[in-house]
């Protein structure tokens, strides 16, 4: 019998949106299934999020802000989109 774990071709992740971004997306949290090996850059393209990231929104995987959008997203990851914070 085959080991099912070796045949996994998809990963399930959570997208998290904060602040005004959650309001504009209409959701704070979305679960999505991606092909195994999907990068942050491909995720941004698929969900048309490249423009918001280019305009200052930070991307974090499992609580760590990343700069490398070529990073592959692992199964069960949380990918958060953090709008710029304004201070006073």
PDB file of N, CA and C in Angstrom:
ATOM      1  N   UNK A   1       0.844  -1.183   0.000  1.00  0.00           N
ATOM      2  CA  UNK A   1       0.000   0.000   0.000  1.00  0.00           C
ATOM      3  C   UNK A   1       0.886   1.241   0.000  1.00  0.00           C
ATOM      4  N   UNK A   2       0.534   2.224  -0.794  1.00  0.00           N
ATOM      5  CA  UNK A   2       1.334   3.444  -0.898  1.00  0.00           C
ATOM      6  C   UNK A   2       1.189   4.301   0.344  1.00  0.00           C
ATOM      7  N   UNK A   3       2.264   5.015   0.672  1.00  0.00           N
ATOM      8  CA  UNK A   3       2.219   6.004   1.739  1.00  0.00           C
ATOM      9  C   UNK A   3       1.560   7.254   1.166  1.00  0.00           C
ATOM     10  N   UNK A   4       0.376   7.574   1.660  1.00  0.00           N
ATOM     11  CA  UNK A   4      -0.369   8.715   1.116  1.00  0.00           C
ATOM     12  C   UNK A   4       0.397  10.017   1.254  1.00  0.00           C
ATOM     13  N   UNK A   5       1.201  10.159   2.289  1.00  0.00           N
ATOM     14  CA  UNK A   5       1.946  11.396   2.503  1.00  0.00           C
ATOM     15  C   UNK A   5       2.895  11.723   1.368  1.00  0.00           C
ATOM     16  N   UNK A   6       3.407  10.713   0.688  1.00  0.00           N
ATOM     17  CA  UNK A   6       4.358  10.967  -0.388  1.00  0.00           C
ATOM     18  C   UNK A   6       3.664  11.408  -1.677  1.00  0.00           C
ATOM     19  N   UNK A   7       2.347  11.258  -1.739  1.00  0.00           N
ATOM     20  CA  UNK A   7       1.601  11.612  -2.945  1.00  0.00           C
ATOM     21  C   UNK A   7       0.918  12.977  -2.858  1.00  0.00           C
ATOM     22  N   UNK A   8       1.164  13.710  -1.779  1.00  0.00           N
ATOM     23  CA  UNK A   8       0.498  15.000  -1.591  1.00  0.00           C
ATOM     24  C   UNK A   8       0.980  15.979  -2.656  1.00  0.00           C
ATOM     25  N   UNK A   9       0.027  16.537  -3.393  1.00  0.00           N
ATOM     26  CA  UNK A   9       0.354  17.489  -4.444  1.00  0.00           C
ATOM     27  C   UNK A   9      -0.232  18.867  -4.149  1.00  0.00           C
ATOM     28  N   UNK A  10      -0.822  19.015  -2.952  1.00  0.00           N
ATOM     29  CA  UNK A  10      -1.443  20.283  -2.581  1.00  0.00           C
ATOM     30  C   UNK A  10      -1.142  20.595  -1.122  1.00  0.00           C
ATOM     31  N   UNK A  11      -1.207  21.868  -0.793  1.00  0.00           N
ATOM     32  CA  UNK A  11      -1.053  22.318   0.584  1.00  0.00           C
ATOM     33  C   UNK A  11      -2.236  23.213   0.927  1.00  0.00           C
ATOM     34  N   UNK A  12      -2.637  23.171   2.178  1.00  0.00           N
ATOM     35  CA  UNK A  12      -3.727  24.026   2.660  1.00  0.00           C
ATOM     36  C   UNK A  12      -3.116  25.078   3.578  1.00  0.00           C
ATOM     37  N   UNK A  13      -3.441  26.337   3.315  1.00  0.00           N
ATOM     38  CA  UNK A  13      -2.894  27.436   4.105  1.00  0.00           C
ATOM     39  C   UNK A  13      -4.015  28.387   4.505  1.00  0.00           C
ATOM     40  N   UNK A  14      -3.684  29.300   5.419  1.00  0.00           N
ATOM     41  CA  UNK A  14      -4.600  30.366   5.796  1.00  0.00           C
ATOM     42  C   UNK A  14      -4.014  31.690   5.349  1.00  0.00           C
ATOM     43  N   UNK A  15      -4.847  32.518   4.759  1.00  0.00           N
ATOM     44  CA  UNK A  15      -4.476  33.900   4.460  1.00  0.00           C
ATOM     45  C   UNK A  15      -5.125  34.763   5.528  1.00  0.00           C
ATOM     46  N   UNK A  16      -4.352  35.656   6.134  1.00  0.00           N
ATOM     47  CA  UNK A  16      -4.855  36.541   7.172  1.00  0.00           C
ATOM     48  C   UNK A  16      -4.691  37.984   6.720  1.00  0.00           C
ATOM     49  N   UNK A  17      -5.742  38.762   6.888  1.00  0.00           N
ATOM     50  CA  UNK A  17      -5.720  40.174   6.502  1.00  0.00           C
ATOM     51  C   UNK A  17      -6.004  41.022   7.735  1.00  0.00           C
ATOM     52  N   UNK A  18      -5.273  42.116   7.885  1.00  0.00           N
ATOM     53  CA  UNK A  18      -5.404  42.963   9.065  1.00  0.00           C
ATOM     54  C   UNK A  18      -5.755  44.393   8.698  1.00  0.00           C
ATOM     55  N   UNK A  19      -6.331  45.098   9.681  1.00  0.00           N
ATOM     56  CA  UNK A  19      -6.643  46.515   9.538  1.00  0.00           C
ATOM     57  C   UNK A  19      -7.589  46.798   8.392  1.00  0.00           C
ATOM     58  N   UNK A  20      -7.337  47.898   7.716  1.00  0.00           N
ATOM     59  CA  UNK A  20      -8.201  48.320   6.614  1.00  0.00           C
ATOM     60  C   UNK A  20      -8.173  47.313   5.473  1.00  0.00           C
ATOM     61  N   UNK A  21      -7.119  46.529   5.396  1.00  0.00           N
ATOM     62  CA  UNK A  21      -7.024  45.506   4.357  1.00  0.00           C
ATOM     63  C   UNK A  21      -8.094  44.435   4.548  1.00  0.00           C
ATOM     64  N   UNK A  22      -8.374  44.066   5.797  1.00  0.00           N
ATOM     65  CA  UNK A  22      -9.434  43.087   6.084  1.00  0.00           C
ATOM     66  C   UNK A  22     -10.783  43.644   5.633  1.00  0.00           C
ATOM     67  N   UNK A  23     -10.992  44.928   5.854  1.00  0.00           N
ATOM     68  CA  UNK A  23     -12.244  45.563   5.427  1.00  0.00           C
ATOM     69  C   UNK A  23     -12.367  45.565   3.906  1.00  0.00           C
ATOM     70  N   UNK A  24     -11.301  45.907   3.219  1.00  0.00           N
ATOM     71  CA  UNK A  24     -11.368  45.977   1.753  1.00  0.00           C
ATOM     72  C   UNK A  24     -11.488  44.595   1.120  1.00  0.00           C
ATOM     73  N   UNK A  25     -10.936  43.559   1.774  1.00  0.00           N
ATOM     74  CA  UNK A  25     -11.034  42.198   1.256  1.00  0.00           C
ATOM     75  C   UNK A  25     -12.383  41.568   1.604  1.00  0.00           C
ATOM     76  N   UNK A  26     -13.048  42.109   2.616  1.00  0.00           N
ATOM     77  CA  UNK A  26     -14.321  41.558   3.046  1.00  0.00           C
ATOM     78  C   UNK A  26     -14.182  40.336   3.932  1.00  0.00           C
ATOM     79  N   UNK A  27     -12.973  39.955   4.243  1.00  0.00           N
ATOM     80  CA  UNK A  27     -12.679  38.783   5.085  1.00  0.00           C
ATOM     81  C   UNK A  27     -11.427  39.076   5.901  1.00  0.00           C
ATOM     82  N   UNK A  28     -11.358  38.491   7.092  1.00  0.00           N
ATOM     83  CA  UNK A  28     -10.141  38.595   7.882  1.00  0.00           C
ATOM     84  C   UNK A  28      -9.272  37.357   7.684  1.00  0.00           C
ATOM     85  N   UNK A  29      -9.923  36.229   7.402  1.00  0.00           N
ATOM     86  CA  UNK A  29      -9.194  34.960   7.277  1.00  0.00           C
ATOM     87  C   UNK A  29      -9.819  34.118   6.169  1.00  0.00           C
ATOM     88  N   UNK A  30      -8.962  33.559   5.317  1.00  0.00           N
ATOM     89  CA  UNK A  30      -9.428  32.704   4.219  1.00  0.00           C
ATOM     90  C   UNK A  30      -8.540  31.466   4.182  1.00  0.00           C
ATOM     91  N   UNK A  31      -9.148  30.291   4.090  1.00  0.00           N
ATOM     92  CA  UNK A  31      -8.372  29.059   3.879  1.00  0.00           C
ATOM     93  C   UNK A  31      -8.346  28.764   2.394  1.00  0.00           C
ATOM     94  N   UNK A  32      -7.164  28.442   1.882  1.00  0.00           N
ATOM     95  CA  UNK A  32      -7.033  28.129   0.463  1.00  0.00           C
ATOM     96  C   UNK A  32      -6.171  26.885   0.286  1.00  0.00           C
ATOM     97  N   UNK A  33      -6.381  26.219  -0.831  1.00  0.00           N
ATOM     98  CA  UNK A  33      -5.564  25.066  -1.209  1.00  0.00           C
ATOM     99  C   UNK A  33      -4.713  25.491  -2.402  1.00  0.00           C
ATOM    100  N   UNK A  34      -3.426  25.230  -2.294  1.00  0.00           N
ATOM    101  CA  UNK A  34      -2.470  25.593  -3.341  1.00  0.00           C
ATOM    102  C   UNK A  34      -1.732  24.350  -3.809  1.00  0.00           C
ATOM    103  N   UNK A  35      -1.188  24.413  -4.989  1.00  0.00           N
ATOM    104  CA  UNK A  35      -0.318  23.343  -5.462  1.00  0.00           C
ATOM    105  C   UNK A  35       0.941  23.329  -4.613  1.00  0.00           C
ATOM    106  N   UNK A  36       1.421  22.139  -4.299  1.00  0.00           N
ATOM    107  CA  UNK A  36       2.663  22.014  -3.554  1.00  0.00           C
ATOM    108  C   UNK A  36       3.763  22.712  -4.345  1.00  0.00           C
ATOM    109  N   UNK A  37       4.590  23.510  -3.657  1.00  0.00           N
ATOM    110  CA  UNK A  37       5.675  24.229  -4.314  1.00  0.00           C
ATOM    111  C   UNK A  37       5.318  25.649  -4.705  1.00  0.00           C
ATOM    112  N   UNK A  38       4.081  26.097  -4.390  1.00  0.00           N
ATOM    113  CA  UNK A  38       3.670  27.468  -4.704  1.00  0.00           C
ATOM    114  C   UNK A  38       4.510  28.461  -3.899  1.00  0.00           C
ATOM    115  N   UNK A  39       4.967  29.507  -4.567  1.00  0.00           N
ATOM    116  CA  UNK A  39       5.749  30.557  -3.899  1.00  0.00           C
ATOM    117  C   UNK A  39       4.845  31.716  -3.499  1.00  0.00           C
ATOM    118  N   UNK A  40       5.368  32.576  -2.658  1.00  0.00           N
ATOM    119  CA  UNK A  40       4.634  33.786  -2.271  1.00  0.00           C
ATOM    120  C   UNK A  40       4.310  34.613  -3.505  1.00  0.00           C
ATOM    121  N   UNK A  41       5.253  34.745  -4.408  1.00  0.00           N
ATOM    122  CA  UNK A  41       5.036  35.513  -5.633  1.00  0.00           C
ATOM    123  C   UNK A  41       3.858  34.953  -6.436  1.00  0.00           C
ATOM    124  N   UNK A  42       3.793  33.627  -6.557  1.00  0.00           N
ATOM    125  CA  UNK A  42       2.678  33.006  -7.286  1.00  0.00           C
ATOM    126  C   UNK A  42       1.351  33.221  -6.552  1.00  0.00           C
ATOM    127  N   UNK A  43       1.388  33.172  -5.228  1.00  0.00           N
ATOM    128  CA  UNK A  43       0.191  33.438  -4.425  1.00  0.00           C
ATOM    129  C   UNK A  43      -0.302  34.870  -4.658  1.00  0.00           C
ATOM    130  N   UNK A  44       0.632  35.823  -4.664  1.00  0.00           N
ATOM    131  CA  UNK A  44       0.280  37.224  -4.893  1.00  0.00           C
ATOM    132  C   UNK A  44      -0.372  37.403  -6.261  1.00  0.00           C
ATOM    133  N   UNK A  45       0.183  36.740  -7.266  1.00  0.00           N
ATOM    134  CA  UNK A  45      -0.384  36.820  -8.611  1.00  0.00           C
ATOM    135  C   UNK A  45      -1.781  36.199  -8.661  1.00  0.00           C
ATOM    136  N   UNK A  46      -1.922  35.020  -8.078  1.00  0.00           N
ATOM    137  CA  UNK A  46      -3.206  34.299  -8.130  1.00  0.00           C
ATOM    138  C   UNK A  46      -4.346  35.090  -7.502  1.00  0.00           C
ATOM    139  N   UNK A  47      -4.059  35.762  -6.383  1.00  0.00           N
ATOM    140  CA  UNK A  47      -5.105  36.497  -5.679  1.00  0.00           C
ATOM    141  C   UNK A  47      -5.044  38.002  -5.943  1.00  0.00           C
ATOM    142  N   UNK A  48      -4.279  38.393  -6.950  1.00  0.00           N
ATOM    143  CA  UNK A  48      -4.156  39.792  -7.367  1.00  0.00           C
ATOM    144  C   UNK A  48      -3.802  40.706  -6.190  1.00  0.00           C
ATOM    145  N   UNK A  49      -2.768  40.305  -5.464  1.00  0.00           N
ATOM    146  CA  UNK A  49      -2.324  41.055  -4.294  1.00  0.00           C
ATOM    147  C   UNK A  49      -0.979  41.749  -4.514  1.00  0.00           C
ATOM    148  N   UNK A  50      -0.404  41.594  -5.695  1.00  0.00           N
ATOM    149  CA  UNK A  50       0.919  42.180  -5.964  1.00  0.00           C
ATOM    150  C   UNK A  50       0.922  43.691  -5.777  1.00  0.00           C
ATOM    151  N   UNK A  51      -0.115  44.379  -6.240  1.00  0.00           N
ATOM    152  CA  UNK A  51      -0.153  45.840  -6.136  1.00  0.00           C
ATOM    153  C   UNK A  51      -0.154  46.309  -4.685  1.00  0.00           C
ATOM    154  N   UNK A  52      -0.925  45.626  -3.824  1.00  0.00           N
ATOM    155  CA  UNK A  52      -0.957  46.080  -2.430  1.00  0.00           C
ATOM    156  C   UNK A  52       0.385  45.844  -1.739  1.00  0.00           C
ATOM    157  N   UNK A  53       1.067  44.760  -2.099  1.00  0.00           N
ATOM    158  CA  UNK A  53       2.381  44.492  -1.508  1.00  0.00           C
ATOM    159  C   UNK A  53       3.390  45.514  -2.027  1.00  0.00           C
ATOM    160  N   UNK A  54       3.291  45.866  -3.298  1.00  0.00           N
ATOM    161  CA  UNK A  54       4.184  46.885  -3.859  1.00  0.00           C
ATOM    162  C   UNK A  54       3.927  48.263  -3.255  1.00  0.00           C
ATOM    163  N   UNK A  55       2.738  48.454  -2.655  1.00  0.00           N
ATOM    164  CA  UNK A  55       2.397  49.736  -2.047  1.00  0.00           C
ATOM    165  C   UNK A  55       2.568  49.738  -0.536  1.00  0.00           C
ATOM    166  N   UNK A  56       3.381  48.832  -0.016  1.00  0.00           N
ATOM    167  CA  UNK A  56       3.752  48.900   1.392  1.00  0.00           C
ATOM    168  C   UNK A  56       3.202  47.825   2.304  1.00  0.00           C
ATOM    169  N   UNK A  57       2.307  46.976   1.832  1.00  0.00           N
ATOM    170  CA  UNK A  57       1.802  45.893   2.675  1.00  0.00           C
ATOM    171  C   UNK A  57       2.908  44.851   2.831  1.00  0.00           C
ATOM    172  N   UNK A  58       3.159  44.447   4.070  1.00  0.00           N
ATOM    173  CA  UNK A  58       4.187  43.435   4.364  1.00  0.00           C
ATOM    174  C   UNK A  58       3.542  42.055   4.358  1.00  0.00           C
ATOM    175  N   UNK A  59       4.335  41.046   4.009  1.00  0.00           N
ATOM    176  CA  UNK A  59       3.891  39.658   4.010  1.00  0.00           C
ATOM    177  C   UNK A  59       4.649  38.919   5.105  1.00  0.00           C
ATOM    178  N   UNK A  60       3.915  38.172   5.921  1.00  0.00           N
ATOM    179  CA  UNK A  60       4.534  37.367   6.971  1.00  0.00           C
ATOM    180  C   UNK A  60       4.078  35.920   6.817  1.00  0.00           C
ATOM    181  N   UNK A  61       5.007  34.994   7.012  1.00  0.00           N
ATOM    182  CA  UNK A  61       4.680  33.577   7.036  1.00  0.00           C
ATOM    183  C   UNK A  61       4.916  33.091   8.457  1.00  0.00           C
ATOM    184  N   UNK A  62       3.845  32.562   9.050  1.00  0.00           N
ATOM    185  CA  UNK A  62       3.916  32.031  10.419  1.00  0.00           C
ATOM    186  C   UNK A  62       4.552  33.030  11.386  1.00  0.00           C
ATOM    187  N   UNK A  63       4.157  34.293  11.251  1.00  0.00           N
ATOM    188  CA  UNK A  63       4.587  35.325  12.183  1.00  0.00           C
ATOM    189  C   UNK A  63       5.897  36.012  11.869  1.00  0.00           C
ATOM    190  N   UNK A  64       6.570  35.620  10.796  1.00  0.00           N
ATOM    191  CA  UNK A  64       7.841  36.248  10.442  1.00  0.00           C
ATOM    192  C   UNK A  64       7.716  36.982   9.118  1.00  0.00           C
ATOM    193  N   UNK A  65       7.987  38.292   9.147  1.00  0.00           N
ATOM    194  CA  UNK A  65       7.929  39.088   7.922  1.00  0.00           C
ATOM    195  C   UNK A  65       9.018  38.614   6.977  1.00  0.00           C
ATOM    196  N   UNK A  66       8.640  38.430   5.722  1.00  0.00           N
ATOM    197  CA  UNK A  66       9.595  37.938   4.723  1.00  0.00           C
ATOM    198  C   UNK A  66       9.839  39.003   3.666  1.00  0.00           C
ATOM    199  N   UNK A  67      10.994  38.938   3.076  1.00  0.00           N
ATOM    200  CA  UNK A  67      11.351  39.827   1.969  1.00  0.00           C
ATOM    201  C   UNK A  67      11.413  39.052   0.656  1.00  0.00           C
ATOM    202  N   UNK A  68      11.709  37.740   0.753  1.00  0.00           N
ATOM    203  CA  UNK A  68      11.903  36.897  -0.416  1.00  0.00           C
ATOM    204  C   UNK A  68      10.569  36.312  -0.872  1.00  0.00           C
ATOM    205  N   UNK A  69      10.011  36.879  -1.934  1.00  0.00           N
ATOM    206  CA  UNK A  69       8.724  36.398  -2.427  1.00  0.00           C
ATOM    207  C   UNK A  69       8.863  35.119  -3.246  1.00  0.00           C
ATOM    208  N   UNK A  70      10.077  34.617  -3.379  1.00  0.00           N
ATOM    209  CA  UNK A  70      10.308  33.342  -4.035  1.00  0.00           C
ATOM    210  C   UNK A  70      10.217  32.171  -3.061  1.00  0.00           C
ATOM    211  N   UNK A  71       9.964  32.488  -1.803  1.00  0.00           N
ATOM    212  CA  UNK A  71       9.878  31.449  -0.772  1.00  0.00           C
ATOM    213  C   UNK A  71       8.676  30.537  -1.022  1.00  0.00           C
ATOM    214  N   UNK A  72       8.894  29.236  -0.891  1.00  0.00           N
ATOM    215  CA  UNK A  72       7.827  28.252  -1.076  1.00  0.00           C
ATOM    216  C   UNK A  72       6.992  28.177   0.195  1.00  0.00           C
ATOM    217  N   UNK A  73       5.682  28.118   0.014  1.00  0.00           N
ATOM    218  CA  UNK A  73       4.758  28.089   1.145  1.00  0.00           C
ATOM    219  C   UNK A  73       4.532  26.638   1.575  1.00  0.00           C
ATOM    220  N   UNK A  74       4.817  26.353   2.835  1.00  0.00           N
ATOM    221  CA  UNK A  74       4.656  25.000   3.370  1.00  0.00           C
ATOM    222  C   UNK A  74       3.203  24.752   3.777  1.00  0.00           C
ATOM    223  N   UNK A  75       2.843  23.471   3.829  1.00  0.00           N
ATOM    224  CA  UNK A  75       1.510  23.077   4.264  1.00  0.00           C
ATOM    225  C   UNK A  75       1.226  23.619   5.666  1.00  0.00           C
ATOM    226  N   UNK A  76      -0.008  24.032   5.902  1.00  0.00           N
ATOM    227  CA  UNK A  76      -0.493  24.533   7.192  1.00  0.00           C
ATOM    228  C   UNK A  76       0.095  25.886   7.578  1.00  0.00           C
ATOM    229  N   UNK A  77       0.702  26.594   6.648  1.00  0.00           N
ATOM    230  CA  UNK A  77       1.257  27.914   6.951  1.00  0.00           C
ATOM    231  C   UNK A  77       0.147  28.944   7.092  1.00  0.00           C
ATOM    232  N   UNK A  78       0.458  29.993   7.849  1.00  0.00           N
ATOM    233  CA  UNK A  78      -0.393  31.171   7.895  1.00  0.00           C
ATOM    234  C   UNK A  78       0.360  32.291   7.187  1.00  0.00           C
ATOM    235  N   UNK A  79      -0.253  32.836   6.158  1.00  0.00           N
ATOM    236  CA  UNK A  79       0.348  33.929   5.407  1.00  0.00           C
ATOM    237  C   UNK A  79      -0.464  35.179   5.726  1.00  0.00           C
ATOM    238  N   UNK A  80       0.187  36.126   6.387  1.00  0.00           N
ATOM    239  CA  UNK A  80      -0.495  37.342   6.825  1.00  0.00           C
ATOM    240  C   UNK A  80      -0.079  38.526   5.965  1.00  0.00           C
ATOM    241  N   UNK A  81      -1.049  39.390   5.709  1.00  0.00           N
ATOM    242  CA  UNK A  81      -0.817  40.625   4.963  1.00  0.00           C
ATOM    243  C   UNK A  81      -1.032  41.779   5.927  1.00  0.00           C
ATOM    244  N   UNK A  82       0.045  42.514   6.178  1.00  0.00           N
ATOM    245  CA  UNK A  82       0.064  43.549   7.206  1.00  0.00           C
ATOM    246  C   UNK A  82       0.170  44.933   6.565  1.00  0.00           C
ATOM    247  N   UNK A  83      -0.883  45.728   6.657  1.00  0.00           N
ATOM    248  CA  UNK A  83      -0.815  47.065   6.079  1.00  0.00           C
ATOM    249  C   UNK A  83       0.159  47.937   6.868  1.00  0.00           C
ATOM    250  N   UNK A  84       0.677  48.981   6.238  1.00  0.00           N
ATOM    251  CA  UNK A  84       1.579  49.885   6.974  1.00  0.00           C
ATOM    252  C   UNK A  84       0.846  50.493   8.166  1.00  0.00           C
ATOM    253  N   UNK A  85       1.552  50.617   9.254  1.00  0.00           N
ATOM    254  CA  UNK A  85       0.935  51.206  10.446  1.00  0.00           C
ATOM    255  C   UNK A  85       1.284  52.672  10.482  1.00  0.00           C
ATOM    256  N   UNK A  86       0.296  53.487  10.817  1.00  0.00           N
ATOM    257  CA  UNK A  86       0.565  54.913  10.960  1.00  0.00           C
ATOM    258  C   UNK A  86       0.564  55.239  12.443  1.00  0.00           C
ATOM    259  N   UNK A  87       1.483  56.065  12.814  1.00  0.00           N
ATOM    260  CA  UNK A  87       1.604  56.418  14.237  1.00  0.00           C
ATOM    261  C   UNK A  87       1.276  57.877  14.446  1.00  0.00           C
ATOM    262  N   UNK A  88       1.089  58.216  15.680  1.00  0.00           N
ATOM    263  CA  UNK A  88       0.770  59.593  15.987  1.00  0.00           C
ATOM    264  C   UNK A  88       1.500  60.074  17.190  1.00  0.00           C
TER     265      UNK A  88
END
